Amino acid sequence: MVDVRVHNPYGWSAPVAAGRYAYGLPTITAVSPAGGPAAGGIKVTLTGTNLADSTAVTFGTGRNGTGLACTATSCTVTAPAGTASTKVSVQAVNAAGTSPVDNRTQYAYGS
């Protein structure tokens, strides 16, 4: 996301939240590792596009990862606790929206 600012003979406009522009939906093409313990706590790396301004990474409905750090093409996040023996969709969220669900974006919780 970038600030959209105006320049005139008096200088630059101030950056404001309403003047932010998002380049597009985030996409995730890989999740590594693709699973971990039900207790969570595993560092997970997501690979994809438009990830730099991600504000959250979800592991299924209502479960946000913690310690989010992103670049344009990857995010590192700590997986939250989950239900043993289940697979959940991992999705990134930015100002443009939420990444689509894809078979490559699944995370499996072990026992």
N, C-alpha and C. Protein backbone atom coordinates (compact mmCIF):
# COMPACT_ATOMS: atom_id res chain seq x y z
N MET A 1 0.84 -1.16 0.00
CA MET A 1 0.00 0.00 0.00
C MET A 1 0.90 1.23 0.00
N VAL A 2 0.47 2.24 -0.69
CA VAL A 2 1.26 3.47 -0.78
C VAL A 2 0.37 4.67 -0.45
N ASP A 3 1.02 5.75 -0.01
CA ASP A 3 0.31 7.01 0.21
C ASP A 3 0.15 7.71 -1.13
N VAL A 4 -1.04 8.23 -1.39
CA VAL A 4 -1.27 9.06 -2.56
C VAL A 4 -1.27 10.49 -2.05
N ARG A 5 -0.33 11.29 -2.57
CA ARG A 5 -0.18 12.67 -2.10
C ARG A 5 -0.17 13.61 -3.30
N VAL A 6 -0.54 14.85 -3.04
CA VAL A 6 -0.60 15.87 -4.09
C VAL A 6 0.50 16.89 -3.84
N HIS A 7 1.12 17.34 -4.93
CA HIS A 7 2.15 18.38 -4.83
C HIS A 7 1.68 19.60 -5.60
N ASN A 8 1.81 20.77 -4.96
CA ASN A 8 1.49 22.04 -5.62
C ASN A 8 2.57 23.05 -5.23
N PRO A 9 2.47 24.29 -5.65
CA PRO A 9 3.52 25.27 -5.33
C PRO A 9 3.76 25.47 -3.83
N TYR A 10 2.82 25.05 -3.00
CA TYR A 10 2.95 25.24 -1.56
C TYR A 10 3.55 24.02 -0.85
N GLY A 11 3.77 22.95 -1.57
CA GLY A 11 4.37 21.74 -0.99
C GLY A 11 3.51 20.51 -1.21
N TRP A 12 3.81 19.50 -0.42
CA TRP A 12 3.13 18.20 -0.51
C TRP A 12 1.97 18.13 0.47
N SER A 13 0.92 17.43 0.08
CA SER A 13 -0.18 17.18 1.01
C SER A 13 0.29 16.18 2.06
N ALA A 14 -0.36 16.22 3.20
CA ALA A 14 -0.02 15.29 4.28
C ALA A 14 -0.57 13.90 3.96
N PRO A 15 0.15 12.85 4.34
CA PRO A 15 -0.41 11.50 4.15
C PRO A 15 -1.56 11.27 5.14
N VAL A 16 -2.64 10.71 4.65
CA VAL A 16 -3.80 10.40 5.49
C VAL A 16 -4.30 9.00 5.14
N ALA A 17 -4.97 8.36 6.08
CA ALA A 17 -5.45 6.99 5.88
C ALA A 17 -6.34 6.87 4.64
N ALA A 18 -7.18 7.88 4.40
CA ALA A 18 -8.08 7.82 3.24
C ALA A 18 -7.34 7.97 1.92
N GLY A 19 -6.09 8.40 1.97
CA GLY A 19 -5.31 8.57 0.76
C GLY A 19 -4.35 7.44 0.49
N ARG A 20 -4.66 6.24 0.99
CA ARG A 20 -3.80 5.07 0.77
C ARG A 20 -4.34 4.27 -0.41
N TYR A 21 -3.44 3.66 -1.19
CA TYR A 21 -3.82 2.87 -2.35
C TYR A 21 -3.21 1.48 -2.23
N ALA A 22 -4.04 0.47 -2.38
CA ALA A 22 -3.58 -0.91 -2.36
C ALA A 22 -3.46 -1.41 -3.79
N TYR A 23 -2.38 -2.11 -4.09
CA TYR A 23 -2.14 -2.58 -5.45
C TYR A 23 -2.98 -3.77 -5.86
N GLY A 24 -3.44 -4.54 -4.95
CA GLY A 24 -4.27 -5.68 -5.33
C GLY A 24 -4.40 -6.69 -4.21
N LEU A 25 -5.27 -7.63 -4.43
CA LEU A 25 -5.47 -8.71 -3.46
C LEU A 25 -4.18 -9.47 -3.23
N PRO A 26 -3.95 -9.89 -2.00
CA PRO A 26 -2.81 -10.78 -1.77
C PRO A 26 -3.13 -12.15 -2.35
N THR A 27 -2.10 -12.85 -2.78
CA THR A 27 -2.27 -14.25 -3.19
C THR A 27 -1.21 -15.07 -2.48
N ILE A 28 -1.56 -16.29 -2.16
CA ILE A 28 -0.62 -17.22 -1.54
C ILE A 28 -0.48 -18.41 -2.47
N THR A 29 0.76 -18.77 -2.78
CA THR A 29 1.01 -19.90 -3.67
C THR A 29 1.65 -21.08 -2.95
N ALA A 30 2.17 -20.85 -1.73
CA ALA A 30 2.78 -21.94 -0.97
C ALA A 30 2.76 -21.61 0.52
N VAL A 31 2.62 -22.66 1.34
CA VAL A 31 2.66 -22.56 2.80
C VAL A 31 3.70 -23.57 3.27
N SER A 32 4.69 -23.10 4.05
CA SER A 32 5.76 -23.99 4.49
C SER A 32 6.14 -23.71 5.94
N PRO A 33 6.10 -24.71 6.81
CA PRO A 33 5.65 -26.06 6.55
C PRO A 33 4.13 -26.08 6.36
N ALA A 34 3.65 -27.15 5.78
CA ALA A 34 2.22 -27.27 5.48
C ALA A 34 1.43 -27.81 6.65
N GLY A 35 2.05 -27.93 7.80
CA GLY A 35 1.34 -28.41 8.98
C GLY A 35 2.21 -28.35 10.22
N GLY A 36 1.56 -28.53 11.36
CA GLY A 36 2.27 -28.49 12.62
C GLY A 36 1.38 -28.99 13.74
N PRO A 37 1.85 -28.90 14.98
CA PRO A 37 1.09 -29.42 16.12
C PRO A 37 -0.18 -28.62 16.39
N ALA A 38 -1.16 -29.27 16.99
CA ALA A 38 -2.42 -28.60 17.32
C ALA A 38 -2.19 -27.45 18.30
N ALA A 39 -1.13 -27.50 19.07
CA ALA A 39 -0.83 -26.44 20.03
C ALA A 39 -0.39 -25.15 19.35
N GLY A 40 -0.07 -25.20 18.05
CA GLY A 40 0.39 -24.02 17.32
C GLY A 40 1.82 -23.68 17.70
N GLY A 41 2.20 -22.42 17.49
CA GLY A 41 3.53 -21.96 17.87
C GLY A 41 4.62 -22.19 16.85
N ILE A 42 4.28 -22.71 15.68
CA ILE A 42 5.26 -23.00 14.63
C ILE A 42 5.36 -21.78 13.69
N LYS A 43 6.59 -21.40 13.34
CA LYS A 43 6.78 -20.33 12.35
C LYS A 43 6.44 -20.88 10.98
N VAL A 44 5.58 -20.17 10.26
CA VAL A 44 5.12 -20.59 8.94
C VAL A 44 5.49 -19.49 7.93
N THR A 45 5.99 -19.89 6.77
CA THR A 45 6.32 -18.95 5.72
C THR A 45 5.34 -19.11 4.57
N LEU A 46 4.75 -18.00 4.17
CA LEU A 46 3.83 -17.97 3.04
C LEU A 46 4.56 -17.33 1.87
N THR A 47 4.37 -17.87 0.69
CA THR A 47 4.95 -17.30 -0.52
C THR A 47 3.80 -16.89 -1.43
N GLY A 48 3.94 -15.75 -2.11
CA GLY A 48 2.88 -15.29 -3.01
C GLY A 48 3.16 -13.91 -3.55
N THR A 49 2.10 -13.13 -3.75
CA THR A 49 2.23 -11.77 -4.29
C THR A 49 1.37 -10.80 -3.49
N ASN A 50 1.70 -9.52 -3.59
CA ASN A 50 0.97 -8.46 -2.90
C ASN A 50 0.85 -8.70 -1.40
N LEU A 51 1.90 -9.22 -0.79
CA LEU A 51 1.86 -9.55 0.63
C LEU A 51 2.43 -8.45 1.53
N ALA A 52 3.16 -7.49 0.99
CA ALA A 52 3.89 -6.51 1.81
C ALA A 52 3.01 -5.78 2.81
N ASP A 53 1.80 -5.43 2.43
CA ASP A 53 0.93 -4.67 3.32
C ASP A 53 -0.13 -5.52 4.01
N SER A 54 0.14 -6.80 4.15
CA SER A 54 -0.82 -7.66 4.84
C SER A 54 -0.94 -7.24 6.30
N THR A 55 -2.17 -7.20 6.76
CA THR A 55 -2.44 -6.81 8.14
C THR A 55 -2.78 -8.00 9.02
N ALA A 56 -3.05 -9.14 8.40
CA ALA A 56 -3.37 -10.36 9.15
C ALA A 56 -3.18 -11.57 8.26
N VAL A 57 -2.92 -12.71 8.91
CA VAL A 57 -2.93 -14.01 8.24
C VAL A 57 -3.82 -14.90 9.10
N THR A 58 -4.85 -15.47 8.47
CA THR A 58 -5.79 -16.30 9.20
C THR A 58 -5.54 -17.78 8.91
N PHE A 59 -5.73 -18.59 9.93
CA PHE A 59 -5.63 -20.04 9.83
C PHE A 59 -7.03 -20.58 10.12
N GLY A 60 -7.85 -20.63 9.10
CA GLY A 60 -9.25 -20.98 9.29
C GLY A 60 -10.01 -19.77 9.83
N THR A 61 -11.27 -19.93 10.06
CA THR A 61 -12.13 -18.84 10.51
C THR A 61 -11.80 -18.41 11.94
N GLY A 62 -11.50 -17.14 12.10
CA GLY A 62 -11.31 -16.57 13.43
C GLY A 62 -10.00 -16.87 14.13
N ARG A 63 -9.03 -17.47 13.43
CA ARG A 63 -7.74 -17.77 14.06
C ARG A 63 -6.64 -17.00 13.35
N ASN A 64 -6.19 -15.92 13.96
CA ASN A 64 -5.11 -15.12 13.37
C ASN A 64 -3.76 -15.61 13.86
N GLY A 65 -2.80 -15.63 12.93
CA GLY A 65 -1.43 -15.90 13.30
C GLY A 65 -0.86 -14.68 14.02
N THR A 66 0.27 -14.84 14.67
CA THR A 66 0.90 -13.73 15.40
C THR A 66 2.31 -13.49 14.86
N GLY A 67 2.89 -12.35 15.22
CA GLY A 67 4.25 -12.05 14.82
C GLY A 67 4.41 -11.88 13.33
N LEU A 68 3.44 -11.28 12.69
CA LEU A 68 3.41 -11.14 11.23
C LEU A 68 4.51 -10.22 10.73
N ALA A 69 5.31 -10.70 9.76
CA ALA A 69 6.35 -9.91 9.10
C ALA A 69 6.31 -10.26 7.62
N CYS A 70 6.10 -9.24 6.76
CA CYS A 70 5.90 -9.51 5.33
C CYS A 70 6.78 -8.65 4.44
N THR A 71 7.09 -9.22 3.27
CA THR A 71 7.68 -8.50 2.15
C THR A 71 6.67 -8.61 1.01
N ALA A 72 7.02 -8.12 -0.16
CA ALA A 72 6.10 -8.19 -1.29
C ALA A 72 5.74 -9.62 -1.67
N THR A 73 6.67 -10.56 -1.47
CA THR A 73 6.45 -11.94 -1.94
C THR A 73 6.43 -13.00 -0.85
N SER A 74 6.57 -12.60 0.43
CA SER A 74 6.50 -13.62 1.48
C SER A 74 6.07 -13.01 2.81
N CYS A 75 5.50 -13.85 3.65
CA CYS A 75 5.15 -13.49 5.02
C CYS A 75 5.62 -14.60 5.94
N THR A 76 6.08 -14.21 7.10
CA THR A 76 6.39 -15.17 8.16
C THR A 76 5.44 -14.87 9.31
N VAL A 77 4.82 -15.91 9.84
CA VAL A 77 3.83 -15.75 10.89
C VAL A 77 3.88 -16.98 11.78
N THR A 78 3.49 -16.83 13.04
CA THR A 78 3.42 -17.97 13.95
C THR A 78 2.00 -18.50 13.95
N ALA A 79 1.87 -19.80 13.69
CA ALA A 79 0.55 -20.44 13.62
C ALA A 79 -0.12 -20.45 14.99
N PRO A 80 -1.42 -20.14 15.03
CA PRO A 80 -2.16 -20.24 16.29
C PRO A 80 -2.51 -21.70 16.58
N ALA A 81 -3.02 -21.96 17.76
CA ALA A 81 -3.49 -23.30 18.10
C ALA A 81 -4.69 -23.64 17.22
N GLY A 82 -4.87 -24.93 16.97
CA GLY A 82 -5.99 -25.38 16.15
C GLY A 82 -6.52 -26.71 16.66
N THR A 83 -7.45 -27.27 15.93
CA THR A 83 -8.05 -28.55 16.28
C THR A 83 -7.25 -29.68 15.65
N ALA A 84 -6.87 -30.66 16.46
CA ALA A 84 -6.07 -31.78 15.98
C ALA A 84 -6.76 -32.49 14.82
N SER A 85 -5.94 -32.96 13.89
CA SER A 85 -6.40 -33.74 12.73
C SER A 85 -7.33 -32.97 11.81
N THR A 86 -7.12 -31.65 11.67
CA THR A 86 -7.92 -30.87 10.74
C THR A 86 -7.01 -30.08 9.80
N LYS A 87 -7.55 -29.74 8.64
CA LYS A 87 -6.88 -28.86 7.69
C LYS A 87 -7.69 -27.58 7.62
N VAL A 88 -6.97 -26.45 7.58
CA VAL A 88 -7.63 -25.16 7.48
C VAL A 88 -7.02 -24.36 6.33
N SER A 89 -7.77 -23.43 5.79
CA SER A 89 -7.26 -22.54 4.75
C SER A 89 -6.46 -21.43 5.40
N VAL A 90 -5.32 -21.11 4.82
CA VAL A 90 -4.51 -19.99 5.27
C VAL A 90 -4.75 -18.85 4.28
N GLN A 91 -5.11 -17.67 4.80
CA GLN A 91 -5.40 -16.52 3.94
C GLN A 91 -4.73 -15.28 4.48
N ALA A 92 -4.25 -14.44 3.57
CA ALA A 92 -3.65 -13.15 3.93
C ALA A 92 -4.68 -12.06 3.67
N VAL A 93 -4.64 -11.02 4.52
CA VAL A 93 -5.58 -9.91 4.41
C VAL A 93 -4.80 -8.61 4.26
N ASN A 94 -5.19 -7.80 3.26
CA ASN A 94 -4.64 -6.45 3.14
C ASN A 94 -5.80 -5.50 2.84
N ALA A 95 -5.51 -4.24 2.59
CA ALA A 95 -6.57 -3.25 2.37
C ALA A 95 -7.42 -3.55 1.14
N ALA A 96 -6.88 -4.28 0.17
CA ALA A 96 -7.62 -4.62 -1.04
C ALA A 96 -8.55 -5.81 -0.83
N GLY A 97 -8.33 -6.60 0.22
CA GLY A 97 -9.19 -7.75 0.48
C GLY A 97 -8.43 -8.94 1.04
N THR A 98 -9.01 -10.11 0.85
CA THR A 98 -8.48 -11.37 1.39
C THR A 98 -8.08 -12.29 0.26
N SER A 99 -6.95 -12.96 0.42
CA SER A 99 -6.48 -13.88 -0.61
C SER A 99 -7.49 -15.00 -0.83
N PRO A 100 -7.59 -15.48 -2.07
CA PRO A 100 -8.53 -16.56 -2.34
C PRO A 100 -8.09 -17.88 -1.71
N VAL A 101 -9.07 -18.72 -1.44
CA VAL A 101 -8.79 -20.07 -0.93
C VAL A 101 -8.27 -20.91 -2.08
N ASP A 102 -7.26 -21.71 -1.81
CA ASP A 102 -6.62 -22.53 -2.83
C ASP A 102 -6.11 -23.80 -2.13
N ASN A 103 -6.08 -24.92 -2.83
CA ASN A 103 -5.56 -26.16 -2.23
C ASN A 103 -4.14 -26.02 -1.73
N ARG A 104 -3.37 -25.11 -2.35
CA ARG A 104 -1.97 -24.91 -1.93
C ARG A 104 -1.87 -24.11 -0.65
N THR A 105 -2.98 -23.58 -0.15
CA THR A 105 -2.94 -22.72 1.02
C THR A 105 -3.54 -23.39 2.25
N GLN A 106 -3.41 -24.69 2.32
CA GLN A 106 -3.94 -25.46 3.45
C GLN A 106 -2.85 -25.68 4.50
N TYR A 107 -3.25 -25.69 5.76
CA TYR A 107 -2.35 -25.98 6.88
C TYR A 107 -3.00 -27.10 7.68
N ALA A 108 -2.26 -28.18 7.92
CA ALA A 108 -2.79 -29.35 8.63
C ALA A 108 -2.32 -29.35 10.07
N TYR A 109 -3.27 -29.41 11.00
CA TYR A 109 -2.94 -29.53 12.41
C TYR A 109 -2.82 -30.99 12.78
N GLY A 110 -1.72 -31.34 13.38
CA GLY A 110 -1.51 -32.72 13.83
C GLY A 110 -2.14 -32.94 15.20
N SER A 111 -1.79 -34.06 15.80
CA SER A 111 -2.38 -34.37 17.11
C SER A 111 -1.50 -33.92 18.24
